[in-house]
Amino acid sequence: MGSSSNCNLRASSSESRGALIVLEGLDRSGKTSQSSRLLSYLEGLGHSTELWRFPDRNTSVGQMISAYLSNKSHLDDRTIHLLFSANRWEKRSLMETQLKNGTTLIIDRYSYSGAPEVGLLAPDIVLYLDIPPEKAAERGGYGGERYEQLEFQRKVAKCYQAQCNSSWKVIDACQPIEDIEKQLQDAVLDHVIACERGRPLSYLWPC
Protein backbone atom coordinates (compact mmCIF):
# COMPACT_ATOMS: atom_id res chain seq x y z
CA MET A 1 0.00 0.00 0.00
CA GLY A 2 3.07 2.23 0.11
CA SER A 3 4.59 4.03 -2.84
CA SER A 4 6.59 0.99 -3.95
CA SER A 5 3.63 -1.38 -4.26
CA ASN A 6 1.19 0.54 -6.44
CA CYS A 7 1.24 1.95 -9.96
CA ASN A 8 1.33 5.40 -8.45
CA LEU A 9 1.23 8.75 -10.18
CA ARG A 10 4.54 10.46 -9.51
CA ALA A 11 5.04 14.13 -8.90
CA SER A 12 7.56 15.72 -11.25
CA SER A 13 9.32 17.65 -8.52
CA SER A 14 12.42 16.20 -6.87
CA GLU A 15 12.70 18.88 -4.20
CA SER A 16 13.35 18.11 -0.56
CA ARG A 17 10.21 17.33 1.42
CA GLY A 18 8.98 15.71 4.58
CA ALA A 19 8.15 12.00 4.81
CA LEU A 20 4.63 10.65 5.25
CA ILE A 21 4.79 7.97 7.94
CA VAL A 22 1.64 6.01 8.79
CA LEU A 23 1.05 3.82 11.84
CA GLU A 24 -1.80 1.33 11.62
CA GLY A 25 -3.07 -1.38 13.93
CA LEU A 26 -6.02 -2.54 15.98
CA ASP A 27 -7.43 -0.43 18.79
CA ARG A 28 -5.12 -0.58 21.83
CA SER A 29 -2.20 -1.87 19.74
CA GLY A 30 -0.03 1.02 20.94
CA LYS A 31 -0.25 3.38 17.94
CA THR A 32 -0.81 6.54 19.96
CA SER A 33 2.05 6.05 22.41
CA GLN A 34 4.47 4.89 19.72
CA SER A 35 3.50 7.80 17.44
CA SER A 36 4.38 10.22 20.24
CA ARG A 37 7.70 8.48 20.89
CA LEU A 38 8.53 8.54 17.18
CA LEU A 39 7.75 12.26 17.08
CA SER A 40 10.18 12.92 19.94
CA TYR A 41 12.84 10.77 18.25
CA LEU A 42 12.71 12.58 14.90
CA GLU A 43 12.49 16.02 16.51
CA GLY A 44 15.51 15.10 18.61
CA LEU A 45 17.45 14.41 15.40
CA GLY A 46 16.53 17.86 14.12
CA HIS A 47 13.79 16.87 11.64
CA SER A 48 10.75 19.13 11.42
CA THR A 49 7.94 16.73 12.40
CA GLU A 50 4.24 16.84 13.26
CA LEU A 51 1.93 14.18 14.68
CA TRP A 52 -1.55 13.89 13.16
CA ARG A 53 -4.37 11.54 14.11
CA PHE A 54 -7.37 10.35 12.15
CA PRO A 55 -10.13 10.88 12.72
CA ASP A 56 -9.18 14.48 13.42
CA ARG A 57 -11.83 15.31 16.00
CA ASN A 58 -11.13 19.05 15.91
CA THR A 59 -12.84 19.67 12.57
CA SER A 60 -16.61 19.97 12.12
CA VAL A 61 -16.69 16.56 10.45
CA GLY A 62 -14.42 15.15 13.13
CA GLN A 63 -16.78 16.32 15.87
CA MET A 64 -19.61 14.33 14.29
CA ILE A 65 -17.38 11.27 14.14
CA SER A 66 -16.34 11.76 17.77
CA ALA A 67 -19.96 11.88 18.91
CA TYR A 68 -20.65 8.67 17.02
CA LEU A 69 -17.61 6.84 18.41
CA SER A 70 -18.45 7.84 21.97
CA ASN A 71 -22.01 6.53 21.49
CA LYS A 72 -23.52 10.02 21.78
CA SER A 73 -25.13 9.80 18.33
CA HIS A 74 -26.28 7.11 15.92
CA LEU A 75 -25.60 7.11 12.18
CA ASP A 76 -26.14 4.74 9.29
CA ASP A 77 -23.03 2.67 8.50
CA ARG A 78 -22.73 4.23 5.04
CA THR A 79 -22.98 7.72 6.50
CA ILE A 80 -20.19 7.21 9.03
CA HIS A 81 -18.00 5.69 6.32
CA LEU A 82 -18.41 8.85 4.24
CA LEU A 83 -17.63 11.02 7.25
CA PHE A 84 -14.40 9.13 7.94
CA SER A 85 -13.42 9.60 4.30
CA ALA A 86 -14.38 13.30 4.33
CA ASN A 87 -12.28 13.81 7.46
CA ARG A 88 -9.17 12.61 5.64
CA TRP A 89 -9.93 14.58 2.47
CA GLU A 90 -10.49 17.84 4.34
CA LYS A 91 -6.87 17.63 5.56
CA ARG A 92 -5.34 16.55 2.23
CA SER A 93 -4.32 20.01 0.97
CA LEU A 94 -2.74 20.96 4.28
CA MET A 95 -0.98 17.59 4.37
CA GLU A 96 0.59 18.15 0.97
CA THR A 97 1.58 21.72 1.88
CA GLN A 98 3.30 20.60 5.07
CA LEU A 99 5.17 17.80 3.32
CA LYS A 100 6.37 20.11 0.54
CA ASN A 101 7.47 22.62 3.18
CA GLY A 102 9.78 19.96 4.59
CA THR A 103 7.73 18.77 7.56
CA THR A 104 7.58 15.03 8.17
CA LEU A 105 4.09 13.87 9.16
CA ILE A 106 3.47 10.94 11.47
CA ILE A 107 -0.12 9.79 10.94
CA ASP A 108 -1.92 7.75 13.61
CA ARG A 109 -4.40 5.85 11.37
CA TYR A 110 -4.97 6.64 7.72
CA SER A 111 -6.91 5.37 4.72
CA TYR A 112 -6.17 1.70 5.51
CA SER A 113 -8.47 1.97 8.51
CA GLY A 114 -11.38 2.53 6.13
CA ALA A 115 -11.89 2.03 2.41
CA PRO A 116 -9.24 2.91 -0.17
CA GLU A 117 -9.50 6.49 -1.40
CA VAL A 118 -8.00 7.09 -4.82
CA GLY A 119 -5.88 10.23 -4.91
CA LEU A 120 -4.94 10.61 -1.26
CA LEU A 121 -1.21 10.97 -0.68
CA ALA A 122 0.58 7.63 -0.41
CA PRO A 123 2.66 6.95 2.70
CA ASP A 124 6.40 6.59 2.34
CA ILE A 125 6.14 3.77 4.87
CA VAL A 126 3.29 2.01 6.66
CA LEU A 127 4.12 0.71 10.12
CA TYR A 128 1.64 -1.93 11.23
CA LEU A 129 1.52 -2.70 14.95
CA ASP A 130 0.42 -6.31 14.92
CA ILE A 131 -1.47 -7.64 17.94
CA PRO A 132 -4.04 -10.45 18.32
CA PRO A 133 -7.48 -8.94 18.98
CA GLU A 134 -7.76 -10.97 22.17
CA LYS A 135 -4.52 -9.47 23.51
CA ALA A 136 -5.61 -5.96 22.62
CA ALA A 137 -8.85 -6.53 24.53
CA GLU A 138 -6.85 -7.16 27.71
CA ARG A 139 -5.33 -3.67 27.68
CA GLY A 140 -6.59 -0.86 29.88
CA GLY A 141 -9.39 1.31 28.60
CA TYR A 142 -10.59 -1.22 26.05
CA GLY A 143 -14.29 -0.98 25.22
CA GLY A 144 -14.60 2.75 25.83
CA GLU A 145 -15.55 3.51 22.24
CA ARG A 146 -18.04 2.04 19.80
CA TYR A 147 -15.61 -0.02 17.72
CA GLU A 148 -13.68 -1.46 20.66
CA GLN A 149 -15.57 -4.74 20.58
CA LEU A 150 -13.71 -8.01 20.21
CA GLU A 151 -15.72 -9.46 17.33
CA PHE A 152 -15.51 -6.22 15.37
CA GLN A 153 -11.76 -5.96 15.97
CA ARG A 154 -11.34 -9.51 14.63
CA LYS A 155 -12.95 -8.35 11.39
CA VAL A 156 -10.70 -5.29 11.31
CA ALA A 157 -7.65 -7.52 11.75
CA LYS A 158 -8.69 -9.58 8.71
CA CYS A 159 -9.06 -6.40 6.66
CA TYR A 160 -5.56 -5.30 7.61
CA GLN A 161 -4.19 -8.74 6.74
CA ALA A 162 -5.79 -8.47 3.29
CA GLN A 163 -4.13 -5.09 2.64
CA CYS A 164 -0.73 -5.84 4.13
CA ASN A 165 2.07 -6.53 1.67
CA SER A 166 5.86 -6.54 1.50
CA SER A 167 6.02 -2.73 1.52
CA TRP A 168 4.54 -2.60 5.03
CA LYS A 169 6.77 -2.91 8.08
CA VAL A 170 5.02 -5.27 10.50
CA ILE A 171 5.96 -4.85 14.16
CA ASP A 172 4.96 -7.29 16.91
CA ALA A 173 2.95 -5.03 19.23
CA CYS A 174 3.16 -7.55 22.08
CA GLN A 175 6.85 -6.79 22.60
CA PRO A 176 8.09 -4.44 25.34
CA ILE A 177 7.37 -0.80 24.52
CA GLU A 178 11.06 0.09 24.27
CA ASP A 179 11.72 -2.71 21.76
CA ILE A 180 8.85 -1.53 19.57
CA GLU A 181 10.09 2.05 19.82
CA LYS A 182 13.60 1.09 18.62
CA GLN A 183 12.27 -0.94 15.67
CA LEU A 184 10.07 1.97 14.56
CA GLN A 185 13.00 4.37 14.77
CA ASP A 186 15.16 2.08 12.65
CA ALA A 187 12.38 1.65 10.09
CA VAL A 188 11.58 5.32 9.47
CA LEU A 189 14.91 7.11 9.42
CA ASP A 190 16.02 6.03 5.92
CA HIS A 191 12.64 7.12 4.52
CA VAL A 192 12.86 10.54 6.18
CA ILE A 193 16.33 11.08 4.75
CA ALA A 194 15.27 9.87 1.27
CA CYS A 195 12.40 12.37 1.24
CA GLU A 196 14.66 15.20 2.35
CA ARG A 197 16.91 14.29 -0.60
CA GLY A 198 14.07 14.59 -3.11
CA ARG A 199 11.95 11.45 -3.22
CA PRO A 200 8.76 12.55 -5.08
CA LEU A 201 5.28 12.35 -3.63
CA SER A 202 3.00 9.58 -4.88
CA TYR A 203 -0.69 8.84 -4.63
CA LEU A 204 -2.91 5.98 -3.51
CA TRP A 205 -4.57 3.59 -5.94
CA PRO A 206 -4.54 5.64 -9.14
CA CYS A 207 -5.12 2.70 -11.52
C-alpha atoms as a PDB file:
ATOM      1  CA  MET A   1       0.000   0.000   0.000  1.00  0.00           C
ATOM      2  CA  GLY A   2       3.068   2.228   0.105  1.00  0.00           C
ATOM      3  CA  SER A   3       4.593   4.031  -2.840  1.00  0.00           C
ATOM      4  CA  SER A   4       6.587   0.987  -3.946  1.00  0.00           C
ATOM      5  CA  SER A   5       3.626  -1.384  -4.261  1.00  0.00           C
ATOM      6  CA  ASN A   6       1.188   0.541  -6.443  1.00  0.00           C
ATOM      7  CA  CYS A   7       1.235   1.947  -9.965  1.00  0.00           C
ATOM      8  CA  ASN A   8       1.326   5.399  -8.446  1.00  0.00           C
ATOM      9  CA  LEU A   9       1.233   8.746 -10.180  1.00  0.00           C
ATOM     10  CA  ARG A  10       4.537  10.463  -9.507  1.00  0.00           C
ATOM     11  CA  ALA A  11       5.041  14.128  -8.902  1.00  0.00           C
ATOM     12  CA  SER A  12       7.559  15.723 -11.252  1.00  0.00           C
ATOM     13  CA  SER A  13       9.320  17.648  -8.520  1.00  0.00           C
ATOM     14  CA  SER A  14      12.423  16.201  -6.869  1.00  0.00           C
ATOM     15  CA  GLU A  15      12.696  18.880  -4.200  1.00  0.00           C
ATOM     16  CA  SER A  16      13.353  18.114  -0.558  1.00  0.00           C
ATOM     17  CA  ARG A  17      10.208  17.328   1.420  1.00  0.00           C
ATOM     18  CA  GLY A  18       8.981  15.708   4.579  1.00  0.00           C
ATOM     19  CA  ALA A  19       8.146  12.003   4.813  1.00  0.00           C
ATOM     20  CA  LEU A  20       4.630  10.648   5.250  1.00  0.00           C
ATOM     21  CA  ILE A  21       4.789   7.970   7.942  1.00  0.00           C
ATOM     22  CA  VAL A  22       1.636   6.008   8.790  1.00  0.00           C
ATOM     23  CA  LEU A  23       1.047   3.825  11.841  1.00  0.00           C
ATOM     24  CA  GLU A  24      -1.805   1.332  11.616  1.00  0.00           C
ATOM     25  CA  GLY A  25      -3.068  -1.376  13.932  1.00  0.00           C
ATOM     26  CA  LEU A  26      -6.015  -2.538  15.976  1.00  0.00           C
ATOM     27  CA  ASP A  27      -7.432  -0.427  18.789  1.00  0.00           C
ATOM     28  CA  ARG A  28      -5.115  -0.581  21.826  1.00  0.00           C
ATOM     29  CA  SER A  29      -2.202  -1.867  19.737  1.00  0.00           C
ATOM     30  CA  GLY A  30      -0.029   1.022  20.937  1.00  0.00           C
ATOM     31  CA  LYS A  31      -0.252   3.378  17.936  1.00  0.00           C
ATOM     32  CA  THR A  32      -0.810   6.543  19.957  1.00  0.00           C
ATOM     33  CA  SER A  33       2.050   6.054  22.411  1.00  0.00           C
ATOM     34  CA  GLN A  34       4.474   4.893  19.717  1.00  0.00           C
ATOM     35  CA  SER A  35       3.504   7.796  17.440  1.00  0.00           C
ATOM     36  CA  SER A  36       4.379  10.223  20.242  1.00  0.00           C
ATOM     37  CA  ARG A  37       7.695   8.484  20.887  1.00  0.00           C
ATOM     38  CA  LEU A  38       8.528   8.536  17.184  1.00  0.00           C
ATOM     39  CA  LEU A  39       7.748  12.255  17.078  1.00  0.00           C
ATOM     40  CA  SER A  40      10.182  12.919  19.937  1.00  0.00           C
ATOM     41  CA  TYR A  41      12.835  10.772  18.250  1.00  0.00           C
ATOM     42  CA  LEU A  42      12.705  12.577  14.897  1.00  0.00           C
ATOM     43  CA  GLU A  43      12.490  16.015  16.514  1.00  0.00           C
ATOM     44  CA  GLY A  44      15.512  15.099  18.611  1.00  0.00           C
ATOM     45  CA  LEU A  45      17.449  14.412  15.401  1.00  0.00           C
ATOM     46  CA  GLY A  46      16.531  17.860  14.118  1.00  0.00           C
ATOM     47  CA  HIS A  47      13.791  16.866  11.637  1.00  0.00           C
ATOM     48  CA  SER A  48      10.749  19.131  11.424  1.00  0.00           C
ATOM     49  CA  THR A  49       7.941  16.731  12.397  1.00  0.00           C
ATOM     50  CA  GLU A  50       4.244  16.843  13.261  1.00  0.00           C
ATOM     51  CA  LEU A  51       1.925  14.175  14.676  1.00  0.00           C
ATOM     52  CA  TRP A  52      -1.550  13.894  13.162  1.00  0.00           C
ATOM     53  CA  ARG A  53      -4.371  11.536  14.109  1.00  0.00           C
ATOM     54  CA  PHE A  54      -7.370  10.351  12.147  1.00  0.00           C
ATOM     55  CA  PRO A  55     -10.133  10.879  12.721  1.00  0.00           C
ATOM     56  CA  ASP A  56      -9.183  14.482  13.418  1.00  0.00           C
ATOM     57  CA  ARG A  57     -11.834  15.310  16.000  1.00  0.00           C
ATOM     58  CA  ASN A  58     -11.126  19.050  15.914  1.00  0.00           C
ATOM     59  CA  THR A  59     -12.842  19.672  12.568  1.00  0.00           C
ATOM     60  CA  SER A  60     -16.608  19.973  12.124  1.00  0.00           C
ATOM     61  CA  VAL A  61     -16.693  16.561  10.446  1.00  0.00           C
ATOM     62  CA  GLY A  62     -14.420  15.148  13.134  1.00  0.00           C
ATOM     63  CA  GLN A  63     -16.776  16.315  15.873  1.00  0.00           C
ATOM     64  CA  MET A  64     -19.613  14.331  14.294  1.00  0.00           C
ATOM     65  CA  ILE A  65     -17.376  11.272  14.140  1.00  0.00           C
ATOM     66  CA  SER A  66     -16.337  11.761  17.768  1.00  0.00           C
ATOM     67  CA  ALA A  67     -19.956  11.884  18.910  1.00  0.00           C
ATOM     68  CA  TYR A  68     -20.650   8.672  17.016  1.00  0.00           C
ATOM     69  CA  LEU A  69     -17.615   6.835  18.406  1.00  0.00           C
ATOM     70  CA  SER A  70     -18.448   7.835  21.973  1.00  0.00           C
ATOM     71  CA  ASN A  71     -22.009   6.534  21.494  1.00  0.00           C
ATOM     72  CA  LYS A  72     -23.517  10.017  21.778  1.00  0.00           C
ATOM     73  CA  SER A  73     -25.127   9.798  18.332  1.00  0.00           C
ATOM     74  CA  HIS A  74     -26.282   7.110  15.915  1.00  0.00           C
ATOM     75  CA  LEU A  75     -25.601   7.114  12.180  1.00  0.00           C
ATOM     76  CA  ASP A  76     -26.138   4.735   9.292  1.00  0.00           C
ATOM     77  CA  ASP A  77     -23.026   2.671   8.496  1.00  0.00           C
ATOM     78  CA  ARG A  78     -22.727   4.234   5.036  1.00  0.00           C
ATOM     79  CA  THR A  79     -22.977   7.716   6.499  1.00  0.00           C
ATOM     80  CA  ILE A  80     -20.192   7.211   9.034  1.00  0.00           C
ATOM     81  CA  HIS A  81     -18.001   5.686   6.315  1.00  0.00           C
ATOM     82  CA  LEU A  82     -18.410   8.854   4.239  1.00  0.00           C
ATOM     83  CA  LEU A  83     -17.634  11.020   7.254  1.00  0.00           C
ATOM     84  CA  PHE A  84     -14.397   9.129   7.940  1.00  0.00           C
ATOM     85  CA  SER A  85     -13.422   9.598   4.303  1.00  0.00           C
ATOM     86  CA  ALA A  86     -14.377  13.305   4.328  1.00  0.00           C
ATOM     87  CA  ASN A  87     -12.277  13.806   7.463  1.00  0.00           C
ATOM     88  CA  ARG A  88      -9.172  12.606   5.635  1.00  0.00           C
ATOM     89  CA  TRP A  89      -9.930  14.577   2.472  1.00  0.00           C
ATOM     90  CA  GLU A  90     -10.485  17.843   4.340  1.00  0.00           C
ATOM     91  CA  LYS A  91      -6.870  17.629   5.564  1.00  0.00           C
ATOM     92  CA  ARG A  92      -5.337  16.546   2.235  1.00  0.00           C
ATOM     93  CA  SER A  93      -4.317  20.006   0.969  1.00  0.00           C
ATOM     94  CA  LEU A  94      -2.737  20.962   4.278  1.00  0.00           C
ATOM     95  CA  MET A  95      -0.981  17.590   4.370  1.00  0.00           C
ATOM     96  CA  GLU A  96       0.595  18.150   0.966  1.00  0.00           C
ATOM     97  CA  THR A  97       1.577  21.715   1.876  1.00  0.00           C
ATOM     98  CA  GLN A  98       3.297  20.604   5.071  1.00  0.00           C
ATOM     99  CA  LEU A  99       5.170  17.804   3.323  1.00  0.00           C
ATOM    100  CA  LYS A 100       6.373  20.107   0.539  1.00  0.00           C
ATOM    101  CA  ASN A 101       7.470  22.618   3.183  1.00  0.00           C
ATOM    102  CA  GLY A 102       9.780  19.961   4.594  1.00  0.00           C
ATOM    103  CA  THR A 103       7.729  18.769   7.556  1.00  0.00           C
ATOM    104  CA  THR A 104       7.583  15.026   8.171  1.00  0.00           C
ATOM    105  CA  LEU A 105       4.089  13.869   9.161  1.00  0.00           C
ATOM    106  CA  ILE A 106       3.472  10.938  11.473  1.00  0.00           C
ATOM    107  CA  ILE A 107      -0.122   9.792  10.943  1.00  0.00           C
ATOM    108  CA  ASP A 108      -1.920   7.754  13.608  1.00  0.00           C
ATOM    109  CA  ARG A 109      -4.403   5.850  11.369  1.00  0.00           C
ATOM    110  CA  TYR A 110      -4.975   6.639   7.717  1.00  0.00           C
ATOM    111  CA  SER A 111      -6.905   5.367   4.717  1.00  0.00           C
ATOM    112  CA  TYR A 112      -6.174   1.704   5.514  1.00  0.00           C
ATOM    113  CA  SER A 113      -8.473   1.970   8.510  1.00  0.00           C
ATOM    114  CA  GLY A 114     -11.382   2.531   6.125  1.00  0.00           C
ATOM    115  CA  ALA A 115     -11.895   2.027   2.415  1.00  0.00           C
ATOM    116  CA  PRO A 116      -9.240   2.910  -0.168  1.00  0.00           C
ATOM    117  CA  GLU A 117      -9.499   6.490  -1.399  1.00  0.00           C
ATOM    118  CA  VAL A 118      -7.995   7.091  -4.816  1.00  0.00           C
ATOM    119  CA  GLY A 119      -5.884  10.227  -4.913  1.00  0.00           C
ATOM    120  CA  LEU A 120      -4.940  10.610  -1.257  1.00  0.00           C
ATOM    121  CA  LEU A 121      -1.213  10.966  -0.678  1.00  0.00           C
ATOM    122  CA  ALA A 122       0.582   7.628  -0.415  1.00  0.00           C
ATOM    123  CA  PRO A 123       2.657   6.954   2.701  1.00  0.00           C
ATOM    124  CA  ASP A 124       6.402   6.588   2.344  1.00  0.00           C
ATOM    125  CA  ILE A 125       6.136   3.772   4.867  1.00  0.00           C
ATOM    126  CA  VAL A 126       3.286   2.014   6.664  1.00  0.00           C
ATOM    127  CA  LEU A 127       4.125   0.710  10.125  1.00  0.00           C
ATOM    128  CA  TYR A 128       1.640  -1.932  11.230  1.00  0.00           C
ATOM    129  CA  LEU A 129       1.521  -2.695  14.946  1.00  0.00           C
ATOM    130  CA  ASP A 130       0.424  -6.314  14.919  1.00  0.00           C
ATOM    131  CA  ILE A 131      -1.474  -7.635  17.941  1.00  0.00           C
ATOM    132  CA  PRO A 132      -4.037 -10.447  18.316  1.00  0.00           C
ATOM    133  CA  PRO A 133      -7.483  -8.937  18.984  1.00  0.00           C
ATOM    134  CA  GLU A 134      -7.758 -10.974  22.168  1.00  0.00           C
ATOM    135  CA  LYS A 135      -4.517  -9.473  23.513  1.00  0.00           C
ATOM    136  CA  ALA A 136      -5.615  -5.957  22.621  1.00  0.00           C
ATOM    137  CA  ALA A 137      -8.855  -6.531  24.530  1.00  0.00           C
ATOM    138  CA  GLU A 138      -6.851  -7.161  27.706  1.00  0.00           C
ATOM    139  CA  ARG A 139      -5.332  -3.666  27.676  1.00  0.00           C
ATOM    140  CA  GLY A 140      -6.586  -0.862  29.885  1.00  0.00           C
ATOM    141  CA  GLY A 141      -9.390   1.309  28.595  1.00  0.00           C
ATOM    142  CA  TYR A 142     -10.590  -1.225  26.046  1.00  0.00           C
ATOM    143  CA  GLY A 143     -14.287  -0.975  25.223  1.00  0.00           C
ATOM    144  CA  GLY A 144     -14.602   2.750  25.835  1.00  0.00           C
ATOM    145  CA  GLU A 145     -15.548   3.514  22.242  1.00  0.00           C
ATOM    146  CA  ARG A 146     -18.035   2.044  19.804  1.00  0.00           C
ATOM    147  CA  TYR A 147     -15.612  -0.017  17.719  1.00  0.00           C
ATOM    148  CA  GLU A 148     -13.676  -1.460  20.657  1.00  0.00           C
ATOM    149  CA  GLN A 149     -15.567  -4.738  20.578  1.00  0.00           C
ATOM    150  CA  LEU A 150     -13.707  -8.014  20.210  1.00  0.00           C
ATOM    151  CA  GLU A 151     -15.717  -9.464  17.326  1.00  0.00           C
ATOM    152  CA  PHE A 152     -15.510  -6.216  15.367  1.00  0.00           C
ATOM    153  CA  GLN A 153     -11.756  -5.964  15.968  1.00  0.00           C
ATOM    154  CA  ARG A 154     -11.342  -9.508  14.634  1.00  0.00           C
ATOM    155  CA  LYS A 155     -12.952  -8.349  11.386  1.00  0.00           C
ATOM    156  CA  VAL A 156     -10.704  -5.289  11.308  1.00  0.00           C
ATOM    157  CA  ALA A 157      -7.647  -7.517  11.747  1.00  0.00           C
ATOM    158  CA  LYS A 158      -8.689  -9.578   8.710  1.00  0.00           C
ATOM    159  CA  CYS A 159      -9.064  -6.398   6.657  1.00  0.00           C
ATOM    160  CA  TYR A 160      -5.560  -5.300   7.606  1.00  0.00           C
ATOM    161  CA  GLN A 161      -4.187  -8.739   6.736  1.00  0.00           C
ATOM    162  CA  ALA A 162      -5.789  -8.475   3.293  1.00  0.00           C
ATOM    163  CA  GLN A 163      -4.133  -5.092   2.639  1.00  0.00           C
ATOM    164  CA  CYS A 164      -0.731  -5.838   4.129  1.00  0.00           C
ATOM    165  CA  ASN A 165       2.068  -6.534   1.667  1.00  0.00           C
ATOM    166  CA  SER A 166       5.863  -6.538   1.500  1.00  0.00           C
ATOM    167  CA  SER A 167       6.015  -2.733   1.516  1.00  0.00           C
ATOM    168  CA  TRP A 168       4.544  -2.602   5.034  1.00  0.00           C
ATOM    169  CA  LYS A 169       6.765  -2.911   8.080  1.00  0.00           C
ATOM    170  CA  VAL A 170       5.019  -5.266  10.505  1.00  0.00           C
ATOM    171  CA  ILE A 171       5.962  -4.852  14.163  1.00  0.00           C
ATOM    172  CA  ASP A 172       4.958  -7.289  16.907  1.00  0.00           C
ATOM    173  CA  ALA A 173       2.953  -5.028  19.230  1.00  0.00           C
ATOM    174  CA  CYS A 174       3.161  -7.547  22.085  1.00  0.00           C
ATOM    175  CA  GLN A 175       6.846  -6.785  22.604  1.00  0.00           C
ATOM    176  CA  PRO A 176       8.090  -4.438  25.337  1.00  0.00           C
ATOM    177  CA  ILE A 177       7.366  -0.799  24.522  1.00  0.00           C
ATOM    178  CA  GLU A 178      11.056   0.095  24.271  1.00  0.00           C
ATOM    179  CA  ASP A 179      11.718  -2.707  21.762  1.00  0.00           C
ATOM    180  CA  ILE A 180       8.852  -1.534  19.570  1.00  0.00           C
ATOM    181  CA  GLU A 181      10.091   2.049  19.822  1.00  0.00           C
ATOM    182  CA  LYS A 182      13.600   1.091  18.616  1.00  0.00           C
ATOM    183  CA  GLN A 183      12.268  -0.943  15.673  1.00  0.00           C
ATOM    184  CA  LEU A 184      10.070   1.965  14.559  1.00  0.00           C
ATOM    185  CA  GLN A 185      12.999   4.371  14.769  1.00  0.00           C
ATOM    186  CA  ASP A 186      15.164   2.079  12.652  1.00  0.00           C
ATOM    187  CA  ALA A 187      12.379   1.647  10.088  1.00  0.00           C
ATOM    188  CA  VAL A 188      11.575   5.322   9.473  1.00  0.00           C
ATOM    189  CA  LEU A 189      14.914   7.110   9.424  1.00  0.00           C
ATOM    190  CA  ASP A 190      16.017   6.033   5.922  1.00  0.00           C
ATOM    191  CA  HIS A 191      12.643   7.123   4.520  1.00  0.00           C
ATOM    192  CA  VAL A 192      12.855  10.537   6.176  1.00  0.00           C
ATOM    193  CA  ILE A 193      16.326  11.085   4.750  1.00  0.00           C
ATOM    194  CA  ALA A 194      15.275   9.871   1.270  1.00  0.00           C
ATOM    195  CA  CYS A 195      12.402  12.369   1.239  1.00  0.00           C
ATOM    196  CA  GLU A 196      14.660  15.200   2.345  1.00  0.00           C
ATOM    197  CA  ARG A 197      16.912  14.287  -0.595  1.00  0.00           C
ATOM    198  CA  GLY A 198      14.066  14.588  -3.105  1.00  0.00           C
ATOM    199  CA  ARG A 199      11.947  11.448  -3.216  1.00  0.00           C
ATOM    200  CA  PRO A 200       8.761  12.555  -5.084  1.00  0.00           C
ATOM    201  CA  LEU A 201       5.280  12.348  -3.631  1.00  0.00           C
ATOM    202  CA  SER A 202       3.004   9.584  -4.884  1.00  0.00           C
ATOM    203  CA  TYR A 203      -0.690   8.842  -4.633  1.00  0.00           C
ATOM    204  CA  LEU A 204      -2.913   5.980  -3.511  1.00  0.00           C
ATOM    205  CA  TRP A 205      -4.570   3.591  -5.936  1.00  0.00           C
ATOM    206  CA  PRO A 206      -4.540   5.644  -9.144  1.00  0.00           C
ATOM    207  CA  CYS A 207      -5.119   2.699 -11.520  1.00  0.00           C
END
